[in-house]
N, C-alpha and C. Protein backbone atom coordinates (compact mmCIF):
# COMPACT_ATOMS: atom_id res chain seq x y z
N MET A 1 4.07 25.85 1.65
CA MET A 1 5.50 24.92 2.06
C MET A 1 6.48 25.58 1.30
N PRO A 2 7.71 25.02 2.14
CA PRO A 2 9.02 25.11 1.50
C PRO A 2 9.14 24.62 0.58
N THR A 3 10.00 25.09 -0.87
CA THR A 3 10.26 24.58 -2.15
C THR A 3 11.32 23.15 -1.61
N SER A 4 12.00 23.08 -0.89
CA SER A 4 12.89 22.36 -0.51
C SER A 4 12.28 21.02 0.13
N LEU A 5 10.98 21.18 1.17
CA LEU A 5 10.36 19.91 1.72
C LEU A 5 9.65 19.42 0.22
N ILE A 6 9.09 20.07 -0.50
CA ILE A 6 8.59 19.40 -1.58
C ILE A 6 9.39 18.56 -2.43
N VAL A 7 10.30 19.34 -2.65
CA VAL A 7 11.47 18.55 -3.76
C VAL A 7 11.87 17.20 -2.80
N TYR A 8 12.18 17.45 -1.71
CA TYR A 8 12.52 16.19 -0.75
C TYR A 8 11.30 14.91 -1.11
N VAL A 9 10.08 15.39 -0.64
CA VAL A 9 8.77 14.41 -0.98
C VAL A 9 8.91 13.63 -1.98
N LEU A 10 9.25 14.76 -3.26
CA LEU A 10 9.00 14.28 -4.71
C LEU A 10 10.33 12.90 -4.90
N VAL A 11 11.54 13.57 -4.25
CA VAL A 11 12.50 12.67 -4.72
C VAL A 11 12.22 11.34 -3.95
N VAL A 12 11.79 11.53 -2.63
CA VAL A 12 11.72 10.00 -1.85
C VAL A 12 10.72 9.23 -2.66
N LEU A 13 9.58 9.92 -3.44
CA LEU A 13 8.77 9.26 -3.74
C LEU A 13 8.98 8.79 -5.11
N ALA A 14 9.89 9.49 -5.89
CA ALA A 14 10.46 9.13 -7.20
C ALA A 14 11.25 7.58 -6.75
N CYS A 15 12.15 7.65 -5.66
CA CYS A 15 12.89 6.54 -5.52
C CYS A 15 12.08 5.36 -5.12
N ASP A 16 10.99 5.63 -4.41
CA ASP A 16 10.08 4.69 -4.03
C ASP A 16 9.51 3.95 -5.22
N LEU A 17 9.09 4.41 -6.13
CA LEU A 17 8.43 3.86 -7.40
C LEU A 17 9.28 3.24 -8.12
N ALA A 18 10.57 3.90 -7.90
CA ALA A 18 11.66 3.26 -9.08
C ALA A 18 12.18 1.79 -8.42
N LEU A 19 11.97 1.96 -7.03
CA LEU A 19 12.24 0.60 -6.60
C LEU A 19 11.37 -0.52 -6.64
N ILE A 20 9.89 0.20 -6.44
CA ILE A 20 8.85 -0.75 -6.92
C ILE A 20 8.81 -1.34 -8.22
N GLY A 21 9.06 -0.66 -9.07
CA GLY A 21 8.97 -1.22 -10.48
C GLY A 21 10.29 -2.16 -10.83
N TRP A 22 11.40 -1.71 -10.13
CA TRP A 22 12.60 -2.62 -10.33
C TRP A 22 12.20 -4.06 -9.85
N GLU A 23 11.60 -3.99 -8.43
CA GLU A 23 11.18 -5.25 -7.68
C GLU A 23 10.13 -6.21 -9.14
N LEU A 24 9.06 -4.94 -9.29
CA LEU A 24 8.30 -6.07 -9.98
C LEU A 24 8.72 -6.59 -11.32
N ALA A 25 9.79 -6.04 -11.90
CA ALA A 25 10.05 -6.48 -13.05
C ALA A 25 10.76 -7.89 -12.95
N ALA A 26 11.36 -8.30 -11.52
CA ALA A 26 12.30 -9.63 -11.37
C ALA A 26 11.07 -10.17 -10.51
N THR A 27 10.12 -9.94 -10.19
CA THR A 27 9.23 -10.75 -9.52
C THR A 27 8.38 -11.76 -10.28
N PRO A 28 8.42 -12.95 -10.15
CA PRO A 28 7.58 -13.94 -10.71
C PRO A 28 5.97 -14.00 -10.11
N ILE A 29 5.24 -13.95 -11.37
CA ILE A 29 3.74 -13.82 -10.88
C ILE A 29 3.26 -14.87 -10.73
N ARG A 30 2.82 -15.42 -9.59
CA ARG A 30 2.04 -16.93 -9.45
C ARG A 30 0.57 -16.44 -9.05
N THR A 31 0.06 -17.72 -9.35
CA THR A 31 -1.68 -17.33 -9.72
C THR A 31 -2.07 -17.28 -8.27
N GLY A 32 -1.63 -18.13 -7.39
CA GLY A 32 -1.99 -18.12 -5.72
C GLY A 32 -1.87 -16.74 -5.06
N ASP A 33 -0.50 -16.32 -5.50
CA ASP A 33 -0.26 -15.16 -4.62
C ASP A 33 -1.01 -13.98 -5.25
N LEU A 34 -1.33 -13.72 -6.45
CA LEU A 34 -2.10 -13.04 -6.99
C LEU A 34 -3.65 -12.98 -6.54
N LEU A 35 -4.32 -14.12 -6.42
CA LEU A 35 -5.26 -14.49 -6.15
C LEU A 35 -5.37 -13.69 -4.20
N LEU A 36 -4.54 -14.22 -3.67
CA LEU A 36 -4.55 -13.75 -2.50
C LEU A 36 -4.38 -12.00 -2.32
N PHE A 37 -3.40 -11.54 -3.23
CA PHE A 37 -3.35 -10.00 -3.16
C PHE A 37 -4.53 -9.30 -3.42
N CYS A 38 -5.48 -9.89 -4.46
CA CYS A 38 -6.73 -9.24 -4.98
C CYS A 38 -7.81 -9.50 -3.92
N ALA A 39 -7.74 -10.59 -3.12
CA ALA A 39 -8.86 -10.72 -2.01
C ALA A 39 -8.10 -9.72 -0.94
N LEU A 40 -6.95 -9.57 -0.31
CA LEU A 40 -6.84 -8.42 0.53
C LEU A 40 -7.00 -7.18 0.23
N LEU A 41 -6.62 -6.91 -1.09
CA LEU A 41 -7.17 -5.53 -1.70
C LEU A 41 -8.41 -5.13 -1.71
N ALA A 42 -9.45 -6.35 -2.20
CA ALA A 42 -10.94 -6.05 -1.87
C ALA A 42 -11.36 -6.07 -0.67
N ALA A 43 -10.77 -6.35 0.32
CA ALA A 43 -11.19 -6.40 1.93
C ALA A 43 -10.90 -4.98 2.41
N ALA A 44 -9.56 -4.53 1.74
CA ALA A 44 -9.27 -2.98 2.25
C ALA A 44 -10.35 -2.00 1.46
N VAL A 45 -10.71 -2.17 0.03
CA VAL A 45 -11.54 -1.36 -0.22
C VAL A 45 -13.10 -1.23 0.25
N ILE A 46 -13.50 -2.61 0.69
CA ILE A 46 -14.92 -2.74 1.47
C ILE A 46 -14.75 -2.13 3.07
N CYS A 47 -13.64 -2.33 3.65
CA CYS A 47 -13.47 -1.61 4.91
C CYS A 47 -13.36 0.08 4.52
N ILE A 48 -12.78 0.10 3.99
CA ILE A 48 -12.56 1.87 3.70
C ILE A 48 -13.86 2.55 3.02
N GLU A 49 -14.30 1.78 2.24
CA GLU A 49 -15.77 2.28 1.70
C GLU A 49 -17.05 2.14 3.04
N ALA A 50 -16.79 1.14 3.65
CA ALA A 50 -17.80 1.04 4.91
C ALA A 50 -17.52 2.27 5.93
N MET A 51 -16.36 2.30 6.24
CA MET A 51 -16.10 3.49 6.94
C MET A 51 -16.51 5.01 6.67
N ARG A 52 -16.52 4.71 5.51
CA ARG A 52 -16.88 6.24 4.84
C ARG A 52 -18.24 6.39 4.79
N ARG A 53 -19.06 5.47 4.46
CA ARG A 53 -20.62 5.24 4.67
C ARG A 53 -21.05 5.30 6.07
N LEU A 54 -20.50 4.84 6.72
CA LEU A 54 -20.97 4.53 8.18
C LEU A 54 -20.68 5.41 9.12
N GLY A 55 -19.26 6.00 8.80
CA GLY A 55 -18.82 6.94 9.74
C GLY A 55 -17.90 6.46 10.76
N GLN A 56 -17.19 6.97 11.53
CA GLN A 56 -16.26 6.60 12.55
C GLN A 56 -16.70 6.53 13.91
N PRO A 57 -16.63 5.64 14.41
CA PRO A 57 -17.37 5.51 15.88
C PRO A 57 -16.80 6.09 17.06
N SER A 58 -17.23 6.88 17.59
CA SER A 58 -16.65 7.99 18.70
C SER A 58 -15.69 7.36 19.46
N GLY A 59 -14.85 7.84 19.95
CA GLY A 59 -13.58 7.07 20.73
C GLY A 59 -12.67 6.19 20.02
N VAL A 60 -12.59 6.15 18.89
CA VAL A 60 -11.81 5.26 18.02
C VAL A 60 -10.67 6.13 17.04
N SER A 61 -9.67 5.63 17.05
CA SER A 61 -8.63 6.49 16.49
C SER A 61 -8.39 6.17 15.22
N ARG A 62 -8.53 6.87 14.23
CA ARG A 62 -8.33 6.54 12.54
C ARG A 62 -6.61 6.28 12.22
N ASP A 63 -5.90 6.07 13.02
CA ASP A 63 -4.51 6.14 13.26
C ASP A 63 -4.13 4.81 12.32
N LEU A 64 -5.02 4.10 13.04
CA LEU A 64 -4.60 2.35 12.65
C LEU A 64 -5.40 2.14 11.47
N LEU A 65 -6.19 2.67 10.91
CA LEU A 65 -6.80 2.14 9.65
C LEU A 65 -6.06 2.75 8.73
N SER A 66 -5.62 4.17 8.62
CA SER A 66 -4.32 4.45 7.45
C SER A 66 -3.20 3.64 7.41
N ALA A 67 -2.78 2.79 8.59
CA ALA A 67 -1.58 2.32 8.79
C ALA A 67 -1.72 1.17 7.74
N TRP A 68 -2.16 0.60 7.32
CA TRP A 68 -2.85 -0.58 6.64
C TRP A 68 -2.97 -0.22 4.83
N TRP A 69 -2.98 0.80 4.66
CA TRP A 69 -3.07 1.00 3.37
C TRP A 69 -1.72 0.80 2.56
N LEU A 70 -0.68 1.35 2.95
CA LEU A 70 0.41 1.23 2.15
C LEU A 70 1.15 0.17 2.03
N PRO A 71 0.91 -0.85 3.55
CA PRO A 71 1.41 -2.18 3.25
C PRO A 71 0.84 -3.01 2.29
N ILE A 72 -0.51 -2.75 2.05
CA ILE A 72 -1.52 -3.80 1.27
C ILE A 72 -1.20 -3.17 -0.22
N ALA A 73 -0.89 -2.17 -0.40
CA ALA A 73 -0.08 -1.87 -1.72
C ALA A 73 0.79 -2.15 -2.35
N ARG A 74 1.86 -2.03 -1.27
CA ARG A 74 3.35 -2.66 -1.58
C ARG A 74 3.14 -4.29 -1.23
N TRP A 75 2.29 -4.66 -1.08
CA TRP A 75 2.57 -6.35 -0.69
C TRP A 75 3.16 -7.02 -1.60
N PRO A 76 3.12 -7.19 -2.91
CA PRO A 76 3.63 -7.73 -3.75
C PRO A 76 5.41 -7.86 -3.88
N CYS A 77 5.65 -6.60 -3.95
CA CYS A 77 6.94 -6.29 -3.65
C CYS A 77 7.52 -6.79 -2.49
N CYS A 78 7.10 -6.44 -1.12
CA CYS A 78 7.42 -7.09 -0.03
C CYS A 78 7.50 -8.51 0.21
N TRP A 79 6.57 -9.25 -0.85
CA TRP A 79 6.59 -10.61 -0.97
C TRP A 79 7.83 -11.30 -1.73
N SER A 80 7.90 -10.61 -2.62
CA SER A 80 9.13 -11.20 -3.61
C SER A 80 10.26 -10.65 -2.82
N THR A 81 10.53 -9.77 -2.08
CA THR A 81 11.94 -9.75 -1.45
C THR A 81 12.03 -10.71 -0.55
N SER A 82 11.20 -10.86 0.11
CA SER A 82 11.08 -11.99 1.49
C SER A 82 11.40 -13.52 1.13
N ILE A 83 11.02 -13.82 -0.45
CA ILE A 83 11.00 -15.28 -1.02
C ILE A 83 12.16 -15.38 -1.28
N THR A 84 13.22 -14.53 -2.00
CA THR A 84 14.14 -14.66 -2.84
C THR A 84 15.65 -14.16 -1.85
């Protein structure tokens, strides 16, 4: 891989992590929101583990499965910006 591509990906990742940290610092933690996040995260883990163990059915695309991993991981930050 070209060095410039690696640097670009690392810079974008660092900016994303910095913004996540900034939003988390300003986000009030509510018990209900935390429980909902934990429930959604547990459902995602169960789905991923079941898919790993049972395998992918034929004719089904994996693209939509991976589309949910990042939104679930970033949900608290998105929730905090939509409320304020």
